[in-house]
Amino acid sequence: MRHSSAVRSGSLAADHRHLYTAENLHYRAAFEREGNRVAWEAEVRLHGEVVGQLHGIARVDRPDSNLLEVVRHAVDDEIDRRHFVA
């Protein structure tokens, strides 16, 4: 996947260690860029079980922003604001 303003949508899968509980979570996120905003949705799993559905809007400051990193940081931050129980 190219990391330029030509990239309008995509998906990613990532692992994240919760900042406060130290739980190891896995998520799959889909995103779509519209102007300087990126709408994303993510399904969060803990020990293979779906424990949350998240969504949000991330802001893109530059046309050449790496959308995968923008979305990854947005999802990681949202995960850290919540507590998940399997």
Foldseek 3Di string as FASTA:
>chain_A
DAQFLVDFWDKDKDWAQQPPPRFIKIKIKIWGDDPQKIKMWMFIDGPRHTFDIDIDIFGHDDRRGRVVVRVVVVVNVVRNVDDTDD
